[in-house]
PDB file of N, CA and C in Angstrom:
ATOM      1  N   MET A   1      96.121  78.761 102.982  1.00  0.00           N
ATOM      2  CA  MET A   1      94.882  78.753 103.717  1.00  0.00           C
ATOM      3  C   MET A   1      94.279  80.159 103.747  1.00  0.00           C
ATOM      4  N   LYS A   2      95.132  81.145 103.984  1.00  0.00           N
ATOM      5  CA  LYS A   2      94.634  82.524 104.054  1.00  0.00           C
ATOM      6  C   LYS A   2      94.085  82.977 102.709  1.00  0.00           C
ATOM      7  N   GLY A   3      94.823  82.692 101.649  1.00  0.00           N
ATOM      8  CA  GLY A   3      94.395  83.119 100.324  1.00  0.00           C
ATOM      9  C   GLY A   3      93.074  82.501  99.925  1.00  0.00           C
ATOM     10  N   MET A   4      92.908  81.224 100.233  1.00  0.00           N
ATOM     11  CA  MET A   4      91.661  80.554  99.884  1.00  0.00           C
ATOM     12  C   MET A   4      90.494  81.145 100.672  1.00  0.00           C
ATOM     13  N   ALA A   5      90.710  81.358 101.960  1.00  0.00           N
ATOM     14  CA  ALA A   5      89.647  81.922 102.791  1.00  0.00           C
ATOM     15  C   ALA A   5      89.276  83.322 102.321  1.00  0.00           C
ATOM     16  N   GLN A   6      90.279  84.135 102.015  1.00  0.00           N
ATOM     17  CA  GLN A   6      90.011  85.510 101.612  1.00  0.00           C
ATOM     18  C   GLN A   6      89.340  85.602 100.243  1.00  0.00           C
ATOM     19  N   SER A   7      89.435  84.541  99.436  1.00  0.00           N
ATOM     20  CA  SER A   7      88.748  84.577  98.146  1.00  0.00           C
ATOM     21  C   SER A   7      87.246  84.352  98.314  1.00  0.00           C
ATOM     22  N   PHE A   8      86.827  83.864  99.494  1.00  0.00           N
ATOM     23  CA  PHE A   8      85.407  83.617  99.735  1.00  0.00           C
ATOM     24  C   PHE A   8      84.785  84.611 100.716  1.00  0.00           C
ATOM     25  N   VAL A   9      85.523  84.961 101.778  1.00  0.00           N
ATOM     26  CA  VAL A   9      84.982  85.851 102.814  1.00  0.00           C
ATOM     27  C   VAL A   9      86.066  86.804 103.283  1.00  0.00           C
ATOM     28  N   PHE A  10      85.674  87.839 103.969  1.00  0.00           N
ATOM     29  CA  PHE A  10      86.639  88.752 104.582  1.00  0.00           C
ATOM     30  C   PHE A  10      86.020  89.402 105.805  1.00  0.00           C
ATOM     31  N   TRP A  11      86.820  89.559 106.830  1.00  0.00           N
ATOM     32  CA  TRP A  11      86.470  90.365 107.990  1.00  0.00           C
ATOM     33  C   TRP A  11      87.763  90.908 108.578  1.00  0.00           C
ATOM     34  N   PRO A  12      87.697  92.010 109.295  1.00  0.00           N
ATOM     35  CA  PRO A  12      88.902  92.563 109.909  1.00  0.00           C
ATOM     36  C   PRO A  12      89.531  91.546 110.865  1.00  0.00           C
ATOM     37  N   GLY A  13      90.813  91.306 110.706  1.00  0.00           N
ATOM     38  CA  GLY A  13      91.519  90.364 111.558  1.00  0.00           C
ATOM     39  C   GLY A  13      91.461  88.924 111.078  1.00  0.00           C
ATOM     40  N   ILE A  14      91.051  88.698 109.824  1.00  0.00           N
ATOM     41  CA  ILE A  14      90.925  87.330 109.308  1.00  0.00           C
ATOM     42  C   ILE A  14      92.263  86.599 109.336  1.00  0.00           C
ATOM     43  N   ASP A  15      93.361  87.290 109.001  1.00  0.00           N
ATOM     44  CA  ASP A  15      94.680  86.646 109.008  1.00  0.00           C
ATOM     45  C   ASP A  15      95.035  86.123 110.398  1.00  0.00           C
ATOM     46  N   ALA A  16      94.837  86.944 111.400  1.00  0.00           N
ATOM     47  CA  ALA A  16      95.154  86.541 112.773  1.00  0.00           C
ATOM     48  C   ALA A  16      94.259  85.387 113.222  1.00  0.00           C
ATOM     49  N   ASP A  17      92.988  85.406 112.836  1.00  0.00           N
ATOM     50  CA  ASP A  17      92.075  84.331 113.212  1.00  0.00           C
ATOM     51  C   ASP A  17      92.487  83.008 112.558  1.00  0.00           C
ATOM     52  N   ILE A  18      92.873  83.073 111.299  1.00  0.00           N
ATOM     53  CA  ILE A  18      93.307  81.859 110.597  1.00  0.00           C
ATOM     54  C   ILE A  18      94.579  81.317 111.226  1.00  0.00           C
ATOM     55  N   GLU A  19      95.525  82.193 111.543  1.00  0.00           N
ATOM     56  CA  GLU A  19      96.772  81.756 112.182  1.00  0.00           C
ATOM     57  C   GLU A  19      96.493  81.109 113.536  1.00  0.00           C
ATOM     58  N   LYS A  20      95.562  81.692 114.305  1.00  0.00           N
ATOM     59  CA  LYS A  20      95.228  81.143 115.619  1.00  0.00           C
ATOM     60  C   LYS A  20      94.632  79.745 115.479  1.00  0.00           C
ATOM     61  N   VAL A  21      93.739  79.560 114.521  1.00  0.00           N
ATOM     62  CA  VAL A  21      93.130  78.247 114.312  1.00  0.00           C
ATOM     63  C   VAL A  21      94.194  77.236 113.874  1.00  0.00           C
ATOM     64  N   ALA A  22      95.070  77.649 112.968  1.00  0.00           N
ATOM     65  CA  ALA A  22      96.103  76.740 112.467  1.00  0.00           C
ATOM     66  C   ALA A  22      97.076  76.337 113.577  1.00  0.00           C
ATOM     67  N   LYS A  23      97.395  77.249 114.470  1.00  0.00           N
ATOM     68  CA  LYS A  23      98.334  76.944 115.552  1.00  0.00           C
ATOM     69  C   LYS A  23      97.727  76.032 116.606  1.00  0.00           C
ATOM     70  N   THR A  24      96.412  76.047 116.765  1.00  0.00           N
ATOM     71  CA  THR A  24      95.764  75.220 117.781  1.00  0.00           C
ATOM     72  C   THR A  24      95.160  73.941 117.206  1.00  0.00           C
ATOM     73  N   CYS A  25      95.300  73.723 115.913  1.00  0.00           N
ATOM     74  CA  CYS A  25      94.739  72.550 115.253  1.00  0.00           C
ATOM     75  C   CYS A  25      95.669  71.351 115.466  1.00  0.00           C
ATOM     76  N   GLU A  26      95.159  70.303 116.097  1.00  0.00           N
ATOM     77  CA  GLU A  26      95.983  69.127 116.374  1.00  0.00           C
ATOM     78  C   GLU A  26      96.384  68.414 115.086  1.00  0.00           C
ATOM     79  N   ASP A  27      95.463  68.287 114.140  1.00  0.00           N
ATOM     80  CA  ASP A  27      95.785  67.628 112.869  1.00  0.00           C
ATOM     81  C   ASP A  27      96.833  68.408 112.095  1.00  0.00           C
ATOM     82  N   CYS A  28      96.740  69.739 112.110  1.00  0.00           N
ATOM     83  CA  CYS A  28      97.731  70.572 111.421  1.00  0.00           C
ATOM     84  C   CYS A  28      99.110  70.374 112.037  1.00  0.00           C
ATOM     85  N   ALA A  29      99.177  70.365 113.355  1.00  0.00           N
ATOM     86  CA  ALA A  29     100.458  70.197 114.043  1.00  0.00           C
ATOM     87  C   ALA A  29     101.035  68.807 113.792  1.00  0.00           C
ATOM     88  N   LYS A  30     100.168  67.808 113.753  1.00  0.00           N
ATOM     89  CA  LYS A  30     100.620  66.438 113.549  1.00  0.00           C
ATOM     90  C   LYS A  30     101.208  66.248 112.149  1.00  0.00           C
ATOM     91  N   ASN A  31     100.661  66.930 111.157  1.00  0.00           N
ATOM     92  CA  ASN A  31     101.090  66.752 109.771  1.00  0.00           C
ATOM     93  C   ASN A  31     101.979  67.869 109.248  1.00  0.00           C
ATOM     94  N   ALA A  32     102.343  68.813 110.082  1.00  0.00           N
ATOM     95  CA  ALA A  32     103.086  69.981 109.625  1.00  0.00           C
ATOM     96  C   ALA A  32     104.453  69.635 109.059  1.00  0.00           C
ATOM     97  N   HIS A  33     105.107  68.627 109.598  1.00  0.00           N
ATOM     98  CA  HIS A  33     106.470  68.323 109.175  1.00  0.00           C
ATOM     99  C   HIS A  33     106.556  67.132 108.231  1.00  0.00           C
ATOM    100  N   ASP A  34     105.410  66.594 107.813  1.00  0.00           N
ATOM    101  CA  ASP A  34     105.429  65.497 106.836  1.00  0.00           C
ATOM    102  C   ASP A  34     105.814  66.053 105.473  1.00  0.00           C
ATOM    103  N   LEU A  35     106.655  65.322 104.790  1.00  0.00           N
ATOM    104  CA  LEU A  35     107.026  65.737 103.448  1.00  0.00           C
ATOM    105  C   LEU A  35     105.861  65.508 102.511  1.00  0.00           C
ATOM    106  N   PRO A  36     105.671  66.383 101.544  1.00  0.00           N
ATOM    107  CA  PRO A  36     104.591  66.157 100.585  1.00  0.00           C
ATOM    108  C   PRO A  36     104.876  64.910  99.763  1.00  0.00           C
ATOM    109  N   LYS A  37     103.825  64.191  99.442  1.00  0.00           N
ATOM    110  CA  LYS A  37     103.977  62.965  98.669  1.00  0.00           C
ATOM    111  C   LYS A  37     103.956  63.315  97.182  1.00  0.00           C
ATOM    112  N   ILE A  38     105.156  63.484  96.638  1.00  0.00           N
ATOM    113  CA  ILE A  38     105.299  63.872  95.241  1.00  0.00           C
ATOM    114  C   ILE A  38     105.994  62.744  94.498  1.00  0.00           C
ATOM    115  N   ARG A  39     105.382  62.331  93.401  1.00  0.00           N
ATOM    116  CA  ARG A  39     106.026  61.327  92.569  1.00  0.00           C
ATOM    117  C   ARG A  39     106.974  62.037  91.622  1.00  0.00           C
ATOM    118  N   THR A  40     108.182  61.529  91.548  1.00  0.00           N
ATOM    119  CA  THR A  40     109.132  62.130  90.614  1.00  0.00           C
ATOM    120  C   THR A  40     108.894  61.535  89.244  1.00  0.00           C
ATOM    121  N   HIS A  41     109.052  62.341  88.227  1.00  0.00           N
ATOM    122  CA  HIS A  41     108.822  61.906  86.864  1.00  0.00           C
ATOM    123  C   HIS A  41     109.987  62.366  86.012  1.00  0.00           C
ATOM    124  N   HIS A  42     110.644  61.421  85.387  1.00  0.00           N
ATOM    125  CA  HIS A  42     111.746  61.775  84.505  1.00  0.00           C
ATOM    126  C   HIS A  42     111.189  62.043  83.112  1.00  0.00           C
ATOM    127  N   TRP A  43     111.425  63.242  82.622  1.00  0.00           N
ATOM    128  CA  TRP A  43     110.951  63.584  81.284  1.00  0.00           C
ATOM    129  C   TRP A  43     111.920  63.029  80.261  1.00  0.00           C
ATOM    130  N   GLU A  44     111.373  62.339  79.280  1.00  0.00           N
ATOM    131  CA  GLU A  44     112.201  61.811  78.214  1.00  0.00           C
ATOM    132  C   GLU A  44     112.501  62.901  77.200  1.00  0.00           C
ATOM    133  N   TYR A  45     113.713  62.890  76.666  1.00  0.00           N
ATOM    134  CA  TYR A  45     114.095  63.887  75.683  1.00  0.00           C
ATOM    135  C   TYR A  45     113.458  63.550  74.333  1.00  0.00           C
ATOM    136  N   PRO A  46     113.002  64.551  73.617  1.00  0.00           N
ATOM    137  CA  PRO A  46     112.380  64.275  72.309  1.00  0.00           C
ATOM    138  C   PRO A  46     113.406  63.721  71.322  1.00  0.00           C
ATOM    139  N   LYS A  47     112.925  62.890  70.434  1.00  0.00           N
ATOM    140  CA  LYS A  47     113.808  62.300  69.428  1.00  0.00           C
ATOM    141  C   LYS A  47     113.902  63.168  68.178  1.00  0.00           C
ATOM    142  N   GLY A  48     113.124  64.229  68.134  1.00  0.00           N
ATOM    143  CA  GLY A  48     113.145  65.130  67.001  1.00  0.00           C
ATOM    144  C   GLY A  48     112.478  66.441  67.348  1.00  0.00           C
ATOM    145  N   PRO A  49     112.420  67.372  66.387  1.00  0.00           N
ATOM    146  CA  PRO A  49     111.805  68.671  66.677  1.00  0.00           C
ATOM    147  C   PRO A  49     110.297  68.580  66.882  1.00  0.00           C
TER     148      PRO A  49
END
């Protein structure tokens, strides 16, 4: 979140402001411990070079 924000804007104390918003965000807190939904993919071995 910080990196994305800093690529667009900057002001002194931006890191602390972003952390404060993230800590008080109800949606962030609700989803903080959910595992990412990643599909596993088994790579097949090549049959030749």
